[in-house]
Amino acid sequence: MSDRYTYRVTWSAEDQEHVGLCAEFPSLSWLADSPEQALAGVRKLVRDVLADMAATGEQAPTPFADRSYSGRFVVRVPPEVH
């Protein structure tokens, strides 16, 4: 299931390393020397977290790819704008 999540690798000027991120788990990241290592690291980290969540009965976040949206965009405006 961890392969259905949204991953991204970016450069961290502060750390001088590549950072692997997972959009559905914004608190997780993985630093590595290469983009490939950063991606592999964050994917393994997500797998480990998912296993821990399953063991404790926690609900894992739904991957963005599996979510459905209404397509509606609702904005409240003052009556004078109507």
PDB file of N, CA and C in Angstrom:
ATOM      1  N   MET A   1       0.822  -1.204   0.000  1.00  0.00           N
ATOM      2  CA  MET A   1       0.000   0.000   0.000  1.00  0.00           C
ATOM      3  C   MET A   1       0.857   1.255   0.000  1.00  0.00           C
ATOM      4  N   SER A   2       2.068   1.221   0.520  1.00  0.00           N
ATOM      5  CA  SER A   2       2.890   2.430   0.626  1.00  0.00           C
ATOM      6  C   SER A   2       3.274   2.995  -0.734  1.00  0.00           C
ATOM      7  N   ASP A   3       3.199   2.175  -1.791  1.00  0.00           N
ATOM      8  CA  ASP A   3       3.550   2.670  -3.120  1.00  0.00           C
ATOM      9  C   ASP A   3       2.454   3.524  -3.731  1.00  0.00           C
ATOM     10  N   ARG A   4       1.283   3.578  -3.123  1.00  0.00           N
ATOM     11  CA  ARG A   4       0.194   4.387  -3.665  1.00  0.00           C
ATOM     12  C   ARG A   4       0.204   5.805  -3.112  1.00  0.00           C
ATOM     13  N   TYR A   5       1.125   6.105  -2.229  1.00  0.00           N
ATOM     14  CA  TYR A   5       1.216   7.452  -1.674  1.00  0.00           C
ATOM     15  C   TYR A   5       1.990   8.380  -2.612  1.00  0.00           C
ATOM     16  N   THR A   6       1.911   9.672  -2.338  1.00  0.00           N
ATOM     17  CA  THR A   6       2.530  10.694  -3.178  1.00  0.00           C
ATOM     18  C   THR A   6       3.886  11.082  -2.594  1.00  0.00           C
ATOM     19  N   TYR A   7       4.944  10.797  -3.348  1.00  0.00           N
ATOM     20  CA  TYR A   7       6.305  11.077  -2.882  1.00  0.00           C
ATOM     21  C   TYR A   7       6.925  12.210  -3.693  1.00  0.00           C
ATOM     22  N   ARG A   8       7.866  12.888  -3.053  1.00  0.00           N
ATOM     23  CA  ARG A   8       8.580  13.984  -3.696  1.00  0.00           C
ATOM     24  C   ARG A   8       9.990  14.033  -3.124  1.00  0.00           C
ATOM     25  N   VAL A   9      10.938  14.362  -3.973  1.00  0.00           N
ATOM     26  CA  VAL A   9      12.312  14.558  -3.528  1.00  0.00           C
ATOM     27  C   VAL A   9      12.724  15.968  -3.900  1.00  0.00           C
ATOM     28  N   THR A  10      13.289  16.670  -2.950  1.00  0.00           N
ATOM     29  CA  THR A  10      13.729  18.036  -3.186  1.00  0.00           C
ATOM     30  C   THR A  10      15.097  18.232  -2.526  1.00  0.00           C
ATOM     31  N   TRP A  11      15.737  19.346  -2.827  1.00  0.00           N
ATOM     32  CA  TRP A  11      17.042  19.671  -2.260  1.00  0.00           C
ATOM     33  C   TRP A  11      16.862  20.574  -1.053  1.00  0.00           C
ATOM     34  N   SER A  12      17.577  20.299   0.029  1.00  0.00           N
ATOM     35  CA  SER A  12      17.575  21.149   1.211  1.00  0.00           C
ATOM     36  C   SER A  12      18.891  21.903   1.269  1.00  0.00           C
ATOM     37  N   ALA A  13      18.835  23.206   1.014  1.00  0.00           N
ATOM     38  CA  ALA A  13      20.043  24.025   1.093  1.00  0.00           C
ATOM     39  C   ALA A  13      20.565  24.076   2.529  1.00  0.00           C
ATOM     40  N   GLU A  14      19.646  24.060   3.475  1.00  0.00           N
ATOM     41  CA  GLU A  14      20.030  24.109   4.891  1.00  0.00           C
ATOM     42  C   GLU A  14      20.827  22.873   5.295  1.00  0.00           C
ATOM     43  N   ASP A  15      20.364  21.695   4.856  1.00  0.00           N
ATOM     44  CA  ASP A  15      21.015  20.443   5.226  1.00  0.00           C
ATOM     45  C   ASP A  15      22.067  19.993   4.219  1.00  0.00           C
ATOM     46  N   GLN A  16      22.062  20.625   3.040  1.00  0.00           N
ATOM     47  CA  GLN A  16      22.978  20.236   1.959  1.00  0.00           C
ATOM     48  C   GLN A  16      22.799  18.761   1.579  1.00  0.00           C
ATOM     49  N   GLU A  17      21.532  18.322   1.583  1.00  0.00           N
ATOM     50  CA  GLU A  17      21.185  16.949   1.209  1.00  0.00           C
ATOM     51  C   GLU A  17      19.842  16.955   0.505  1.00  0.00           C
ATOM     52  N   HIS A  18      19.545  15.855  -0.145  1.00  0.00           N
ATOM     53  CA  HIS A  18      18.234  15.657  -0.754  1.00  0.00           C
ATOM     54  C   HIS A  18      17.262  15.205   0.328  1.00  0.00           C
ATOM     55  N   VAL A  19      16.006  15.641   0.194  1.00  0.00           N
ATOM     56  CA  VAL A  19      14.986  15.307   1.187  1.00  0.00           C
ATOM     57  C   VAL A  19      13.856  14.549   0.497  1.00  0.00           C
ATOM     58  N   GLY A  20      13.536  13.366   1.004  1.00  0.00           N
ATOM     59  CA  GLY A  20      12.394  12.604   0.537  1.00  0.00           C
ATOM     60  C   GLY A  20      11.194  12.925   1.404  1.00  0.00           C
ATOM     61  N   LEU A  21      10.063  13.213   0.760  1.00  0.00           N
ATOM     62  CA  LEU A  21       8.848  13.605   1.466  1.00  0.00           C
ATOM     63  C   LEU A  21       7.664  12.770   0.989  1.00  0.00           C
ATOM     64  N   CYS A  22       6.657  12.658   1.834  1.00  0.00           N
ATOM     65  CA  CYS A  22       5.413  11.991   1.469  1.00  0.00           C
ATOM     66  C   CYS A  22       4.271  12.954   1.800  1.00  0.00           C
ATOM     67  N   ALA A  23       3.482  13.318   0.781  1.00  0.00           N
ATOM     68  CA  ALA A  23       2.429  14.325   0.961  1.00  0.00           C
ATOM     69  C   ALA A  23       1.390  13.897   1.990  1.00  0.00           C
ATOM     70  N   GLU A  24       1.053  12.633   2.040  1.00  0.00           N
ATOM     71  CA  GLU A  24       0.039  12.159   2.981  1.00  0.00           C
ATOM     72  C   GLU A  24       0.551  12.068   4.414  1.00  0.00           C
ATOM     73  N   PHE A  25       1.864  12.080   4.586  1.00  0.00           N
ATOM     74  CA  PHE A  25       2.491  12.076   5.915  1.00  0.00           C
ATOM     75  C   PHE A  25       3.432  13.284   6.004  1.00  0.00           C
ATOM     76  N   PRO A  26       2.891  14.499   6.164  1.00  0.00           N
ATOM     77  CA  PRO A  26       3.731  15.700   6.113  1.00  0.00           C
ATOM     78  C   PRO A  26       4.784  15.801   7.220  1.00  0.00           C
ATOM     79  N   SER A  27       4.644  15.030   8.278  1.00  0.00           N
ATOM     80  CA  SER A  27       5.632  15.104   9.361  1.00  0.00           C
ATOM     81  C   SER A  27       6.839  14.196   9.115  1.00  0.00           C
ATOM     82  N   LEU A  28       6.793  13.371   8.070  1.00  0.00           N
ATOM     83  CA  LEU A  28       7.890  12.445   7.781  1.00  0.00           C
ATOM     84  C   LEU A  28       8.804  12.998   6.704  1.00  0.00           C
ATOM     85  N   SER A  29      10.099  12.775   6.852  1.00  0.00           N
ATOM     86  CA  SER A  29      11.069  13.138   5.815  1.00  0.00           C
ATOM     87  C   SER A  29      12.302  12.253   5.961  1.00  0.00           C
ATOM     88  N   TRP A  30      13.098  12.207   4.891  1.00  0.00           N
ATOM     89  CA  TRP A  30      14.305  11.388   4.898  1.00  0.00           C
ATOM     90  C   TRP A  30      15.412  12.146   4.162  1.00  0.00           C
ATOM     91  N   LEU A  31      16.527  12.357   4.833  1.00  0.00           N
ATOM     92  CA  LEU A  31      17.676  13.033   4.234  1.00  0.00           C
ATOM     93  C   LEU A  31      18.658  12.020   3.683  1.00  0.00           C
ATOM     94  N   ALA A  32      19.214  12.320   2.493  1.00  0.00           N
ATOM     95  CA  ALA A  32      20.191  11.409   1.889  1.00  0.00           C
ATOM     96  C   ALA A  32      21.070  12.176   0.914  1.00  0.00           C
ATOM     97  N   ASP A  33      22.187  11.553   0.549  1.00  0.00           N
ATOM     98  CA  ASP A  33      23.138  12.180  -0.376  1.00  0.00           C
ATOM     99  C   ASP A  33      22.631  12.245  -1.811  1.00  0.00           C
ATOM    100  N   SER A  34      21.785  11.302  -2.214  1.00  0.00           N
ATOM    101  CA  SER A  34      21.295  11.287  -3.589  1.00  0.00           C
ATOM    102  C   SER A  34      19.764  11.287  -3.593  1.00  0.00           C
ATOM    103  N   PRO A  35      19.154  11.733  -4.691  1.00  0.00           N
ATOM    104  CA  PRO A  35      17.692  11.698  -4.772  1.00  0.00           C
ATOM    105  C   PRO A  35      17.142  10.275  -4.663  1.00  0.00           C
ATOM    106  N   GLU A  36      17.839   9.324  -5.251  1.00  0.00           N
ATOM    107  CA  GLU A  36      17.397   7.929  -5.203  1.00  0.00           C
ATOM    108  C   GLU A  36      17.377   7.396  -3.770  1.00  0.00           C
ATOM    109  N   GLN A  37      18.417   7.724  -3.006  1.00  0.00           N
ATOM    110  CA  GLN A  37      18.475   7.287  -1.608  1.00  0.00           C
ATOM    111  C   GLN A  37      17.393   7.969  -0.767  1.00  0.00           C
ATOM    112  N   ALA A  38      17.122   9.243  -1.062  1.00  0.00           N
ATOM    113  CA  ALA A  38      16.085   9.967  -0.326  1.00  0.00           C
ATOM    114  C   ALA A  38      14.714   9.354  -0.588  1.00  0.00           C
ATOM    115  N   LEU A  39      14.437   9.015  -1.841  1.00  0.00           N
ATOM    116  CA  LEU A  39      13.156   8.394  -2.177  1.00  0.00           C
ATOM    117  C   LEU A  39      13.032   7.016  -1.541  1.00  0.00           C
ATOM    118  N   ALA A  40      14.068   6.211  -1.648  1.00  0.00           N
ATOM    119  CA  ALA A  40      14.038   4.875  -1.047  1.00  0.00           C
ATOM    120  C   ALA A  40      13.871   4.974   0.472  1.00  0.00           C
ATOM    121  N   GLY A  41      14.541   5.933   1.084  1.00  0.00           N
ATOM    122  CA  GLY A  41      14.462   6.096   2.538  1.00  0.00           C
ATOM    123  C   GLY A  41      13.075   6.489   3.014  1.00  0.00           C
ATOM    124  N   VAL A  42      12.451   7.446   2.341  1.00  0.00           N
ATOM    125  CA  VAL A  42      11.122   7.884   2.781  1.00  0.00           C
ATOM    126  C   VAL A  42      10.077   6.814   2.484  1.00  0.00           C
ATOM    127  N   ARG A  43      10.236   6.065   1.404  1.00  0.00           N
ATOM    128  CA  ARG A  43       9.303   4.972   1.120  1.00  0.00           C
ATOM    129  C   ARG A  43       9.381   3.895   2.206  1.00  0.00           C
ATOM    130  N   LYS A  44      10.599   3.554   2.637  1.00  0.00           N
ATOM    131  CA  LYS A  44      10.765   2.567   3.715  1.00  0.00           C
ATOM    132  C   LYS A  44      10.192   3.106   5.022  1.00  0.00           C
ATOM    133  N   LEU A  45      10.427   4.383   5.279  1.00  0.00           N
ATOM    134  CA  LEU A  45       9.898   5.000   6.494  1.00  0.00           C
ATOM    135  C   LEU A  45       8.366   4.940   6.512  1.00  0.00           C
ATOM    136  N   VAL A  46       7.737   5.234   5.381  1.00  0.00           N
ATOM    137  CA  VAL A  46       6.275   5.168   5.295  1.00  0.00           C
ATOM    138  C   VAL A  46       5.799   3.731   5.509  1.00  0.00           C
ATOM    139  N   ARG A  47       6.487   2.766   4.898  1.00  0.00           N
ATOM    140  CA  ARG A  47       6.127   1.350   5.117  1.00  0.00           C
ATOM    141  C   ARG A  47       6.179   0.997   6.600  1.00  0.00           C
ATOM    142  N   ASP A  48       7.254   1.437   7.270  1.00  0.00           N
ATOM    143  CA  ASP A  48       7.402   1.155   8.702  1.00  0.00           C
ATOM    144  C   ASP A  48       6.293   1.809   9.527  1.00  0.00           C
ATOM    145  N   VAL A  49       5.971   3.056   9.194  1.00  0.00           N
ATOM    146  CA  VAL A  49       4.909   3.765   9.922  1.00  0.00           C
ATOM    147  C   VAL A  49       3.570   3.092   9.685  1.00  0.00           C
ATOM    148  N   LEU A  50       3.304   2.681   8.447  1.00  0.00           N
ATOM    149  CA  LEU A  50       2.053   1.974   8.155  1.00  0.00           C
ATOM    150  C   LEU A  50       1.958   0.664   8.941  1.00  0.00           C
ATOM    151  N   ALA A  51       3.063  -0.055   9.058  1.00  0.00           N
ATOM    152  CA  ALA A  51       3.073  -1.301   9.838  1.00  0.00           C
ATOM    153  C   ALA A  51       2.786  -1.008  11.310  1.00  0.00           C
ATOM    154  N   ASP A  52       3.397   0.053  11.846  1.00  0.00           N
ATOM    155  CA  ASP A  52       3.141   0.430  13.238  1.00  0.00           C
ATOM    156  C   ASP A  52       1.678   0.827  13.435  1.00  0.00           C
ATOM    157  N   MET A  53       1.137   1.569  12.476  1.00  0.00           N
ATOM    158  CA  MET A  53      -0.261   1.998  12.577  1.00  0.00           C
ATOM    159  C   MET A  53      -1.196   0.786  12.539  1.00  0.00           C
ATOM    160  N   ALA A  54      -0.908  -0.148  11.668  1.00  0.00           N
ATOM    161  CA  ALA A  54      -1.733  -1.359  11.575  1.00  0.00           C
ATOM    162  C   ALA A  54      -1.660  -2.160  12.874  1.00  0.00           C
ATOM    163  N   ALA A  55      -0.470  -2.233  13.465  1.00  0.00           N
ATOM    164  CA  ALA A  55      -0.289  -3.000  14.700  1.00  0.00           C
ATOM    165  C   ALA A  55      -1.050  -2.385  15.869  1.00  0.00           C
ATOM    166  N   THR A  56      -1.221  -1.068  15.848  1.00  0.00           N
ATOM    167  CA  THR A  56      -1.916  -0.401  16.957  1.00  0.00           C
ATOM    168  C   THR A  56      -3.369  -0.086  16.623  1.00  0.00           C
ATOM    169  N   GLY A  57      -3.809  -0.487  15.415  1.00  0.00           N
ATOM    170  CA  GLY A  57      -5.200  -0.272  15.038  1.00  0.00           C
ATOM    171  C   GLY A  57      -5.518   1.137  14.564  1.00  0.00           C
ATOM    172  N   GLU A  58      -4.484   1.926  14.286  1.00  0.00           N
ATOM    173  CA  GLU A  58      -4.718   3.288  13.784  1.00  0.00           C
ATOM    174  C   GLU A  58      -5.104   3.253  12.314  1.00  0.00           C
ATOM    175  N   GLN A  59      -5.910   4.223  11.921  1.00  0.00           N
ATOM    176  CA  GLN A  59      -6.344   4.339  10.528  1.00  0.00           C
ATOM    177  C   GLN A  59      -5.276   5.081   9.721  1.00  0.00           C
ATOM    178  N   ALA A  60      -4.792   4.479   8.658  1.00  0.00           N
ATOM    179  CA  ALA A  60      -3.800   5.121   7.786  1.00  0.00           C
ATOM    180  C   ALA A  60      -4.496   6.130   6.883  1.00  0.00           C
ATOM    181  N   PRO A  61      -3.808   7.215   6.522  1.00  0.00           N
ATOM    182  CA  PRO A  61      -4.432   8.177   5.623  1.00  0.00           C
ATOM    183  C   PRO A  61      -4.671   7.563   4.244  1.00  0.00           C
ATOM    184  N   THR A  62      -5.751   7.969   3.622  1.00  0.00           N
ATOM    185  CA  THR A  62      -6.062   7.512   2.271  1.00  0.00           C
ATOM    186  C   THR A  62      -5.111   8.192   1.296  1.00  0.00           C
ATOM    187  N   PRO A  63      -4.484   7.428   0.401  1.00  0.00           N
ATOM    188  CA  PRO A  63      -3.621   8.062  -0.600  1.00  0.00           C
ATOM    189  C   PRO A  63      -4.415   9.066  -1.438  1.00  0.00           C
ATOM    190  N   PHE A  64      -3.782  10.172  -1.820  1.00  0.00           N
ATOM    191  CA  PHE A  64      -4.460  11.181  -2.631  1.00  0.00           C
ATOM    192  C   PHE A  64      -5.031  10.569  -3.909  1.00  0.00           C
ATOM    193  N   ALA A  65      -4.335   9.615  -4.499  1.00  0.00           N
ATOM    194  CA  ALA A  65      -4.788   8.986  -5.740  1.00  0.00           C
ATOM    195  C   ALA A  65      -6.095   8.219  -5.556  1.00  0.00           C
ATOM    196  N   ASP A  66      -6.407   7.811  -4.337  1.00  0.00           N
ATOM    197  CA  ASP A  66      -7.618   7.040  -4.060  1.00  0.00           C
ATOM    198  C   ASP A  66      -8.775   7.895  -3.545  1.00  0.00           C
ATOM    199  N   ARG A  67      -8.536   9.183  -3.353  1.00  0.00           N
ATOM    200  CA  ARG A  67      -9.578  10.062  -2.836  1.00  0.00           C
ATOM    201  C   ARG A  67     -10.461  10.551  -3.983  1.00  0.00           C
ATOM    202  N   SER A  68     -11.720  10.807  -3.664  1.00  0.00           N
ATOM    203  CA  SER A  68     -12.612  11.376  -4.677  1.00  0.00           C
ATOM    204  C   SER A  68     -13.079  12.739  -4.180  1.00  0.00           C
ATOM    205  N   TYR A  69     -13.244  13.636  -5.129  1.00  0.00           N
ATOM    206  CA  TYR A  69     -13.624  15.011  -4.815  1.00  0.00           C
ATOM    207  C   TYR A  69     -14.874  15.376  -5.606  1.00  0.00           C
ATOM    208  N   SER A  70     -15.663  16.274  -5.073  1.00  0.00           N
ATOM    209  CA  SER A  70     -16.916  16.656  -5.728  1.00  0.00           C
ATOM    210  C   SER A  70     -16.678  17.523  -6.959  1.00  0.00           C
ATOM    211  N   GLY A  71     -15.577  18.237  -6.999  1.00  0.00           N
ATOM    212  CA  GLY A  71     -15.339  19.163  -8.105  1.00  0.00           C
ATOM    213  C   GLY A  71     -15.961  20.524  -7.853  1.00  0.00           C
ATOM    214  N   ARG A  72     -16.632  20.666  -6.735  1.00  0.00           N
ATOM    215  CA  ARG A  72     -17.258  21.947  -6.399  1.00  0.00           C
ATOM    216  C   ARG A  72     -16.280  22.801  -5.614  1.00  0.00           C
ATOM    217  N   PHE A  73     -16.340  24.095  -5.882  1.00  0.00           N
ATOM    218  CA  PHE A  73     -15.527  25.065  -5.166  1.00  0.00           C
ATOM    219  C   PHE A  73     -16.495  26.068  -4.559  1.00  0.00           C
ATOM    220  N   VAL A  74     -16.636  26.044  -3.239  1.00  0.00           N
ATOM    221  CA  VAL A  74     -17.623  26.867  -2.552  1.00  0.00           C
ATOM    222  C   VAL A  74     -16.912  28.005  -1.829  1.00  0.00           C
ATOM    223  N   VAL A  75     -17.395  29.237  -2.089  1.00  0.00           N
ATOM    224  CA  VAL A  75     -16.822  30.422  -1.458  1.00  0.00           C
ATOM    225  C   VAL A  75     -17.959  31.260  -0.874  1.00  0.00           C
ATOM    226  N   ARG A  76     -17.804  31.682   0.334  1.00  0.00           N
ATOM    227  CA  ARG A  76     -18.794  32.576   0.939  1.00  0.00           C
ATOM    228  C   ARG A  76     -18.381  34.021   0.665  1.00  0.00           C
ATOM    229  N   VAL A  77     -19.353  34.785   0.198  1.00  0.00           N
ATOM    230  CA  VAL A  77     -19.108  36.218  -0.076  1.00  0.00           C
ATOM    231  C   VAL A  77     -20.212  37.038   0.557  1.00  0.00           C
ATOM    232  N   PRO A  78     -19.948  38.310   0.837  1.00  0.00           N
ATOM    233  CA  PRO A  78     -20.985  39.162   1.424  1.00  0.00           C
ATOM    234  C   PRO A  78     -22.157  39.364   0.447  1.00  0.00           C
ATOM    235  N   PRO A  79     -23.361  39.647   0.966  1.00  0.00           N
ATOM    236  CA  PRO A  79     -24.540  39.798   0.114  1.00  0.00           C
ATOM    237  C   PRO A  79     -24.380  40.839  -1.000  1.00  0.00           C
ATOM    238  N   GLU A  80     -23.648  41.909  -0.744  1.00  0.00           N
ATOM    239  CA  GLU A  80     -23.500  42.958  -1.764  1.00  0.00           C
ATOM    240  C   GLU A  80     -22.684  42.485  -2.976  1.00  0.00           C
ATOM    241  N   VAL A  81     -21.929  41.404  -2.816  1.00  0.00           N
ATOM    242  CA  VAL A  81     -21.161  40.851  -3.944  1.00  0.00           C
ATOM    243  C   VAL A  81     -22.040  39.962  -4.808  1.00  0.00           C
ATOM    244  N   HIS A  82     -23.103  39.402  -4.248  1.00  0.00           N
ATOM    245  CA  HIS A  82     -24.016  38.525  -5.010  1.00  0.00           C
ATOM    246  C   HIS A  82     -24.492  39.318  -6.153  1.00  0.00           C
TER     247      HIS A  82
END
